[in-house]
Structure formats: structure tokens, C-alpha cells
Amino acid sequence: MLLLPTAISMVNILLSLVVIPATGENFNLAVYSPSPCNDVLYSNSNEEAVRMAVETVNNDTTLCPGLNVSYSMYYTGCSSAEGLATFVATAGGGELHPPADAFIGPVSTEVCTPSAQLATAWNKAILSWGCLKSALNQLPTFTRLVPSSSRVAKAVAETMKFYSWVHAALVISMKPMWKELGDYTYKALKEAGLKVDVQLSVSKETTSTEMAEKLGNISDIPDIKVIILCTGSHMSNSLEEFMVLNASHNLGFSSGRYAFISVDPLLNSAVARRFHAVTASTANHTELYQSLLTLAPSPPHQTLQETTGESWIETRRMIQEEGIKQHEVTLRIKPN
């Protein structure tokens, strides 16, 4: 979900990463938003947020005086093939839209890599507010507003070590975004000398009975103290997380027997959906949510007003490399 401050930040960051035209010239952004296909990052207010952000930038004489910033908004459809086709067809403009000078999005996991590679080939800046793929860090024109899967995974390992938890069960959603995060988390835990004793998968097709049967295997291993969920969180409307937690509650896992770590790098993008899907369902699960720690991205320390000139370079590094802060507890953990 594109909130107005996030949209303003994205526009300003992109303008700092490209060669700005001379005063009085136009600068066009191509903005790619998910379509309403149950995507956690879709909102019918996305376009309104971008419109207001562009107006704010154009009206602020301290940001880009004399420069006329415009945008073209595109929705990427309900499949990866449709999303990539939309990007390729619109990146160069058309009869109704001018060519793009820079890109915001796409955010679909399957479309991130080819879109970022094309933008690099065209030598145009591209900014993502939802792509977690770690390999994209190698592309010189790519910048992200969320930490990469590898950085998030290291934060999970640091959390485990902080609490002296050595043994874990890992539950991974089969959605591509979370699948990569789960793979990196498994690797990071192993490299940190920690043990993943059980690794389970969950998808929207998994039934409650199947989930309970899978989780039942965890109780046979006495050393496991924590269950790590690479599924997205209840804060970003994750059906998979709710399915796991509901089955865990029914098995008696939430009575203090286990701690749960839910990993959600997209939380700040979807913060307005906090508890949207599960509020009515959590009344009887109070003890379960008291056992839940949610790891989420930490935004840059600098504000827009403090971030000008050469400090944009530092802001870009912070956006790409910023650590993870733990919501709902006072502890703050930052990976090395």
C-alpha cells in the first residue's frame, strides 16, 4: 500500500539518483502498481498517493526548482506474464504517455528481476517498494525501499542468538516472495551455528487439518523453542500466517510452550492494513499473539527535510542496507 509519505520519499529519491534535466524541462515517472488480485501491496489509493506526492514535489521550490515532474500510472495485471508485458509495452511511452525517465515498481516478485535488468540496460533509475530479491543489489540503477531477503534473514539469526535459541522450526509460504526469504533464512541460521530441526511449507491451498498434522511433528522434538514464520504477517493481511497461528493455538502451542517469530519486510508498505483481516478472529487468541514477535523493516533515520544534496547518497545506502527493528517489543536488533 502506497502511503503519501512513502510516495513522496520515492519521488524524491528517484530524482536524486538521475541526471535532472535543465530548469523548465519535464521529467516523467512511470509508476507500476499491483492490480486488485489479492496482492498485499495493492490499494485503490495508490494512484491518489502518487498524484499528491508529485504535486508536493512540484510545489516545493527547495526540492527541484523549475522542474516539472509528471507521472504515468500503470496496473500490472494478475499474472507475471501480464506484468512484464505491461512494463515492456509502456516503458517507452506511447500515444497517450511520454517516455519514462525513471521507474517506480513493478513490485511483483516474478517481474522485479527482468524489469530491473531492462532498466539497467536502458541506464534508467528504477525504485522498488516491494522487491526483496537479494540479487537485484548488483544492478547499478536499482534501489529498494525494503531490505533484501539476505539482510532480513541475518536479522532473524541475530534475534535467535539474542534469546539464546539454538533450535527452530521454519514455516515457509510457497508464494515466490516468501519462498526466497525462507531459503535465505535457513541458510543464515545454519551459518550462525543454529539448527533448523523442522522445515514446513504452507500455501493458500493448505487445509487446517493438513497444517495441524504438519505442526504436530514439531512437538516430537523437545529442543525446539521457537517457530519462525516466513509467510508475511497478520499486519499485512497474510492468510498463511493466520492459518499457522490458528493451528498452533488449537494444538496448545501458544500457552508459552513456543515463541513465534513472524518475518514481514513489507510491513511499512502495508501498515494501514494492520490487523485488518484478523481482528475479529484474535479475540480468543490473546495468548498466541502475546507469544508473537514481528520483525519488520526499519525506515531511514533521516527525514526529507534533513536529507538534501550529497546526503542522498547516504540515504540510498541506508534504504538498501538498513537493519531490522522488532515491532511490538522494546528490543532493537541490527545485523552486522
Protein backbone atom coordinates (compact mmCIF):
# COMPACT_ATOMS: atom_id res chain seq x y z
CA MET A 1 0.00 0.00 0.00
CA LEU A 2 1.44 3.36 -1.03
CA LEU A 3 1.07 5.85 1.80
CA LEU A 4 1.64 9.52 0.96
CA PRO A 5 4.94 9.93 2.89
CA THR A 6 6.26 6.79 1.19
CA ALA A 7 5.24 8.09 -2.23
CA ILE A 8 6.88 11.46 -1.60
CA SER A 9 10.06 9.72 -0.45
CA MET A 10 10.14 7.56 -3.58
CA VAL A 11 9.75 10.53 -5.92
CA ASN A 12 12.48 12.49 -4.12
CA ILE A 13 14.87 9.55 -4.01
CA LEU A 14 14.46 8.88 -7.73
CA LEU A 15 15.10 12.50 -8.57
CA SER A 16 18.31 12.30 -6.56
CA LEU A 17 19.55 9.25 -8.46
CA VAL A 18 19.21 10.51 -12.03
CA VAL A 19 20.57 13.31 -14.16
CA ILE A 20 17.98 16.04 -13.75
CA PRO A 21 17.01 17.97 -16.90
CA ALA A 22 17.55 21.68 -17.13
CA THR A 23 15.16 24.08 -15.42
CA GLY A 24 11.82 24.28 -17.19
CA GLU A 25 12.06 20.79 -18.68
CA ASN A 26 9.78 17.85 -17.95
CA PHE A 27 10.65 14.69 -16.03
CA ASN A 28 8.25 11.77 -16.36
CA LEU A 29 7.94 8.87 -13.92
CA ALA A 30 6.37 5.57 -14.91
CA VAL A 31 4.68 4.14 -11.82
CA TYR A 32 3.63 0.47 -11.75
CA SER A 33 1.08 -0.64 -9.18
CA PRO A 34 -0.30 -4.12 -8.49
CA SER A 35 -3.79 -4.79 -9.80
CA PRO A 36 -6.64 -5.78 -7.44
CA CYS A 37 -5.79 -9.50 -7.47
CA ASN A 38 -5.41 -10.11 -3.73
CA ASP A 39 -1.92 -8.59 -3.81
CA VAL A 40 -0.92 -7.32 -0.36
CA LEU A 41 0.61 -4.18 -1.89
CA TYR A 42 -2.49 -3.21 -3.88
CA SER A 43 -4.67 -0.34 -2.76
CA ASN A 44 -7.19 1.78 -4.60
CA SER A 45 -5.43 4.78 -3.04
CA ASN A 46 -2.07 4.05 -4.71
CA GLU A 47 -2.67 6.41 -7.61
CA GLU A 48 -4.00 9.13 -5.32
CA ALA A 49 -0.85 8.89 -3.18
CA VAL A 50 1.40 9.22 -6.25
CA ARG A 51 -0.61 12.16 -7.58
CA MET A 52 -0.34 14.03 -4.28
CA ALA A 53 3.37 13.19 -3.98
CA VAL A 54 4.14 14.60 -7.43
CA GLU A 55 2.12 17.73 -6.66
CA THR A 56 4.01 18.16 -3.39
CA VAL A 57 7.38 17.86 -5.12
CA ASN A 58 6.39 20.29 -7.89
CA ASN A 59 5.11 22.84 -5.36
CA ASP A 60 8.19 22.69 -3.12
CA THR A 61 10.72 25.12 -4.56
CA THR A 62 13.50 23.74 -2.35
CA LEU A 63 13.45 20.29 -3.97
CA CYS A 64 13.59 20.66 -7.76
CA PRO A 65 13.02 24.33 -8.60
CA GLY A 66 11.77 24.91 -12.13
CA LEU A 67 11.45 21.21 -12.93
CA ASN A 68 8.07 19.86 -13.99
CA VAL A 69 7.63 16.30 -12.68
CA SER A 70 4.81 14.25 -14.18
CA TYR A 71 3.84 10.60 -13.94
CA SER A 72 2.07 7.85 -15.84
CA MET A 73 0.29 5.19 -13.76
CA TYR A 74 0.02 1.58 -14.91
CA TYR A 75 -1.53 -1.50 -13.31
CA THR A 76 0.40 -4.70 -13.90
CA GLY A 77 -2.41 -7.25 -14.12
CA CYS A 78 -2.90 -10.53 -12.31
CA SER A 79 -0.06 -12.65 -13.71
CA SER A 80 3.69 -12.31 -14.05
CA ALA A 81 3.45 -12.54 -17.85
CA GLU A 82 0.91 -9.72 -17.93
CA GLY A 83 3.02 -7.63 -15.55
CA LEU A 84 6.18 -7.93 -17.63
CA ALA A 85 4.28 -7.29 -20.86
CA THR A 86 2.83 -4.13 -19.32
CA PHE A 87 6.25 -2.90 -18.28
CA VAL A 88 7.84 -3.54 -21.69
CA ALA A 89 4.90 -2.01 -23.57
CA THR A 90 4.74 1.18 -21.51
CA ALA A 91 8.35 1.94 -20.52
CA GLY A 92 8.98 3.73 -23.79
CA GLY A 93 5.75 5.71 -23.65
CA GLY A 94 3.11 5.75 -26.35
CA GLU A 95 0.41 7.83 -27.93
CA LEU A 96 -1.07 8.87 -24.57
CA HIS A 97 2.03 8.83 -22.38
CA PRO A 98 5.55 10.29 -22.77
CA PRO A 99 8.61 8.02 -22.40
CA ALA A 100 9.64 7.39 -18.82
CA ASP A 101 12.78 8.99 -17.43
CA ALA A 102 12.70 6.67 -14.39
CA PHE A 103 10.54 3.90 -12.94
CA ILE A 104 8.76 3.18 -9.66
CA GLY A 105 7.88 -0.54 -9.46
CA PRO A 106 6.84 -3.10 -10.56
CA VAL A 107 6.62 -4.87 -7.21
CA SER A 108 5.56 -8.34 -8.35
CA THR A 109 8.27 -10.83 -7.34
CA GLU A 110 8.33 -12.52 -10.74
CA VAL A 111 8.54 -9.20 -12.62
CA CYS A 112 11.13 -7.44 -10.43
CA THR A 113 14.23 -9.03 -11.91
CA PRO A 114 13.53 -8.66 -15.65
CA SER A 115 12.21 -5.12 -15.16
CA ALA A 116 15.28 -4.08 -13.16
CA GLN A 117 17.58 -5.69 -15.74
CA LEU A 118 15.86 -3.81 -18.57
CA ALA A 119 16.10 -0.53 -16.65
CA THR A 120 19.83 -1.13 -16.17
CA ALA A 121 20.25 -1.84 -19.88
CA TRP A 122 18.44 1.43 -20.65
CA ASN A 123 20.52 3.22 -17.96
CA LYS A 124 17.37 4.44 -16.19
CA ALA A 125 16.81 4.52 -12.45
CA ILE A 126 14.26 2.08 -11.04
CA LEU A 127 12.98 2.16 -7.46
CA SER A 128 11.16 -0.74 -5.80
CA TRP A 129 8.90 -0.59 -2.77
CA GLY A 130 8.26 -4.34 -2.64
CA CYS A 131 11.07 -6.36 -4.30
CA LEU A 132 13.04 -8.40 -1.76
CA LYS A 133 15.29 -10.32 -4.16
CA SER A 134 18.86 -10.01 -2.92
CA ALA A 135 20.45 -10.44 -6.36
CA LEU A 136 18.98 -7.12 -7.51
CA ASN A 137 21.53 -5.28 -5.36
CA GLN A 138 24.08 -5.97 -8.11
CA LEU A 139 22.20 -3.85 -10.67
CA PRO A 140 23.61 -0.29 -10.69
CA THR A 141 20.35 1.56 -11.46
CA PHE A 142 18.20 -0.39 -8.95
CA THR A 143 17.27 0.96 -5.50
CA ARG A 144 14.90 -0.59 -2.96
CA LEU A 145 12.82 0.80 -0.09
CA VAL A 146 12.74 -2.51 1.76
CA PRO A 147 15.66 -4.64 2.97
CA SER A 148 16.71 -7.59 0.86
CA SER A 149 15.90 -11.19 1.75
CA SER A 150 19.51 -11.85 2.77
CA ARG A 151 19.58 -8.90 5.20
CA VAL A 152 16.25 -9.85 6.75
CA ALA A 153 17.48 -13.43 7.17
CA LYS A 154 20.56 -12.22 9.06
CA ALA A 155 18.31 -10.23 11.39
CA VAL A 156 16.33 -13.40 12.16
CA ALA A 157 19.58 -15.16 13.08
CA GLU A 158 20.58 -12.24 15.33
CA THR A 159 17.20 -12.43 17.07
CA MET A 160 17.67 -16.16 17.69
CA LYS A 161 21.12 -15.59 19.18
CA PHE A 162 19.89 -12.72 21.37
CA TYR A 163 17.38 -15.01 23.07
CA SER A 164 19.85 -17.96 23.12
CA TRP A 165 17.51 -20.05 20.98
CA VAL A 166 19.50 -22.69 19.14
CA HIS A 167 16.81 -24.95 17.69
CA ALA A 168 13.99 -23.69 15.45
CA ALA A 169 11.16 -24.84 13.24
CA LEU A 170 10.83 -22.91 9.97
CA VAL A 171 7.48 -22.46 8.20
CA ILE A 172 7.67 -21.01 4.68
CA SER A 173 4.89 -19.79 2.41
CA MET A 174 5.11 -21.12 -1.14
CA LYS A 175 4.50 -17.66 -2.59
CA PRO A 176 7.70 -16.74 -4.50
CA MET A 177 8.42 -13.69 -2.36
CA TRP A 178 8.38 -15.63 0.91
CA LYS A 179 9.96 -18.75 -0.57
CA GLU A 180 13.19 -16.86 -1.29
CA LEU A 181 13.10 -15.26 2.16
CA GLY A 182 12.66 -18.69 3.73
CA ASP A 183 15.59 -20.12 1.79
CA TYR A 184 17.85 -17.24 2.89
CA THR A 185 16.65 -17.60 6.48
CA TYR A 186 17.51 -21.29 6.51
CA LYS A 187 20.98 -20.51 5.18
CA ALA A 188 21.55 -17.63 7.64
CA LEU A 189 20.59 -19.78 10.63
CA LYS A 190 22.93 -22.55 9.53
CA GLU A 191 25.81 -20.12 9.02
CA ALA A 192 25.20 -18.71 12.50
CA GLY A 193 25.58 -22.18 14.03
CA LEU A 194 21.85 -22.53 14.72
CA LYS A 195 19.73 -25.57 13.92
CA VAL A 196 16.59 -25.84 11.78
CA ASP A 197 15.14 -29.10 13.05
CA VAL A 198 11.87 -28.90 11.10
CA GLN A 199 11.10 -27.13 7.82
CA LEU A 200 7.46 -26.91 6.71
CA SER A 201 5.62 -25.31 3.80
CA VAL A 202 2.21 -23.65 3.70
CA SER A 203 0.09 -22.29 0.86
CA LYS A 204 -3.42 -20.95 0.49
CA GLU A 205 -4.48 -24.45 -0.56
CA THR A 206 -3.29 -25.98 2.72
CA THR A 207 -6.22 -27.07 4.88
CA SER A 208 -6.46 -26.59 8.64
CA THR A 209 -6.19 -30.33 9.15
CA GLU A 210 -3.07 -30.57 6.98
CA MET A 211 -1.48 -27.64 8.81
CA ALA A 212 -2.17 -29.22 12.20
CA GLU A 213 -0.65 -32.50 11.04
CA LYS A 214 2.50 -30.74 9.83
CA LEU A 215 2.89 -28.73 13.03
CA GLY A 216 2.31 -31.82 15.13
CA ASN A 217 5.76 -33.07 14.10
CA ILE A 218 7.35 -30.15 15.97
CA SER A 219 6.19 -31.41 19.36
CA ASP A 220 8.26 -34.57 18.88
CA ILE A 221 11.50 -32.53 19.10
CA PRO A 222 11.95 -31.22 22.66
CA ASP A 223 14.81 -28.81 21.86
CA ILE A 224 12.70 -26.53 19.62
CA LYS A 225 11.71 -23.32 21.42
CA VAL A 226 10.83 -21.02 18.51
CA ILE A 227 8.77 -21.27 15.32
CA ILE A 228 9.85 -18.88 12.55
CA LEU A 229 7.19 -17.85 10.02
CA CYS A 230 8.33 -16.66 6.57
CA THR A 231 4.76 -16.07 5.48
CA GLY A 232 4.11 -12.37 5.77
CA SER A 233 2.31 -11.21 8.88
CA HIS A 234 -1.18 -10.55 10.16
CA MET A 235 -0.26 -6.87 9.86
CA SER A 236 -0.07 -7.21 6.08
CA ASN A 237 -3.13 -9.42 5.75
CA SER A 238 -1.35 -12.79 5.49
CA LEU A 239 -3.75 -15.71 5.27
CA GLU A 240 -0.88 -18.18 5.57
CA GLU A 241 0.33 -16.73 8.88
CA PHE A 242 -3.15 -16.81 10.35
CA MET A 243 -3.54 -20.43 9.24
CA VAL A 244 -0.30 -21.43 11.00
CA LEU A 245 -1.09 -19.50 14.18
CA ASN A 246 -4.64 -20.79 14.34
CA ALA A 247 -3.47 -24.40 14.02
CA SER A 248 -0.74 -23.74 16.60
CA HIS A 249 -3.31 -22.36 19.03
CA ASN A 250 -5.53 -25.41 18.59
CA LEU A 251 -2.52 -27.65 19.32
CA GLY A 252 -1.76 -25.78 22.55
CA PHE A 253 1.46 -24.27 21.22
CA SER A 254 0.54 -20.73 22.30
CA SER A 255 0.42 -21.44 26.03
CA GLY A 256 4.08 -20.43 26.41
CA ARG A 257 5.46 -23.63 25.01
CA TYR A 258 6.86 -21.90 21.91
CA ALA A 259 7.73 -18.39 20.81
CA PHE A 260 6.81 -17.33 17.29
CA ILE A 261 8.83 -15.00 15.04
CA SER A 262 6.89 -13.62 12.08
CA VAL A 263 9.08 -12.04 9.40
CA ASP A 264 7.44 -9.26 7.36
CA PRO A 265 9.76 -6.99 5.32
CA LEU A 266 6.69 -5.38 3.70
CA LEU A 267 5.13 -4.17 6.93
CA ASN A 268 5.86 -0.48 6.42
CA SER A 269 4.34 -0.64 2.92
CA ALA A 270 1.16 -2.20 4.25
CA VAL A 271 0.95 -0.62 7.70
CA ALA A 272 -2.54 0.75 7.05
CA ARG A 273 -3.82 -2.82 6.88
CA ARG A 274 -2.70 -3.59 10.42
CA PHE A 275 -4.98 -6.24 11.91
CA HIS A 276 -7.45 -5.68 9.07
CA ALA A 277 -8.08 -9.36 8.33
CA VAL A 278 -7.74 -10.96 11.73
CA THR A 279 -9.17 -8.52 14.26
CA ALA A 280 -12.40 -10.46 14.61
CA SER A 281 -10.55 -13.76 14.84
CA THR A 282 -8.00 -12.91 17.52
CA ALA A 283 -10.31 -12.34 20.48
CA ASN A 284 -9.76 -15.91 21.67
CA HIS A 285 -6.09 -15.98 20.67
CA THR A 286 -4.73 -13.35 23.04
CA GLU A 287 -2.08 -15.62 24.50
CA LEU A 288 -0.95 -16.59 20.99
CA TYR A 289 -0.32 -13.02 19.90
CA GLN A 290 1.48 -12.37 23.18
CA SER A 291 3.90 -15.11 22.08
CA LEU A 292 4.44 -13.49 18.67
CA LEU A 293 7.37 -11.26 17.70
CA THR A 294 7.08 -9.49 14.35
CA LEU A 295 10.28 -8.47 12.55
CA ALA A 296 9.81 -5.59 10.13
CA PRO A 297 11.96 -3.11 8.14
CA SER A 298 13.29 -0.01 9.84
CA PRO A 299 12.98 3.18 7.74
CA PRO A 300 15.95 5.57 7.29
CA HIS A 301 16.75 7.78 10.27
CA GLN A 302 16.83 10.96 8.20
CA THR A 303 13.70 12.91 7.29
CA LEU A 304 13.07 14.53 3.92
CA GLN A 305 13.75 17.96 5.37
CA GLU A 306 17.15 16.83 6.66
CA THR A 307 18.12 14.94 3.54
CA THR A 308 19.46 17.14 0.76
CA GLY A 309 22.39 17.27 -1.62
CA GLU A 310 25.15 14.73 -1.08
CA SER A 311 23.36 13.18 1.90
CA TRP A 312 21.03 11.46 -0.61
CA ILE A 313 23.91 9.07 -1.27
CA GLU A 314 23.90 8.06 2.39
CA THR A 315 20.12 7.79 2.35
CA ARG A 316 20.28 5.39 -0.58
CA ARG A 317 22.76 3.24 1.32
CA MET A 318 20.56 3.31 4.41
CA ILE A 319 17.48 2.32 2.42
CA GLN A 320 19.31 -0.60 0.86
CA GLU A 321 21.17 -1.73 3.96
CA GLU A 322 19.14 -0.61 6.97
CA GLY A 323 18.70 -3.25 9.64
CA ILE A 324 15.55 -4.69 11.08
CA LYS A 325 13.66 -3.43 14.08
CA GLN A 326 11.42 -5.62 16.10
CA HIS A 327 7.87 -4.32 16.44
CA GLU A 328 5.67 -4.98 19.48
CA VAL A 329 8.68 -5.36 21.80
CA THR A 330 11.20 -2.77 23.02
CA LEU A 331 14.22 -4.66 21.72
CA ARG A 332 16.00 -3.27 18.65
CA ILE A 333 18.29 -5.61 16.72
CA LYS A 334 20.53 -4.55 13.84
CA PRO A 335 22.50 -7.05 11.76
CA ASN A 336 26.19 -6.53 11.17
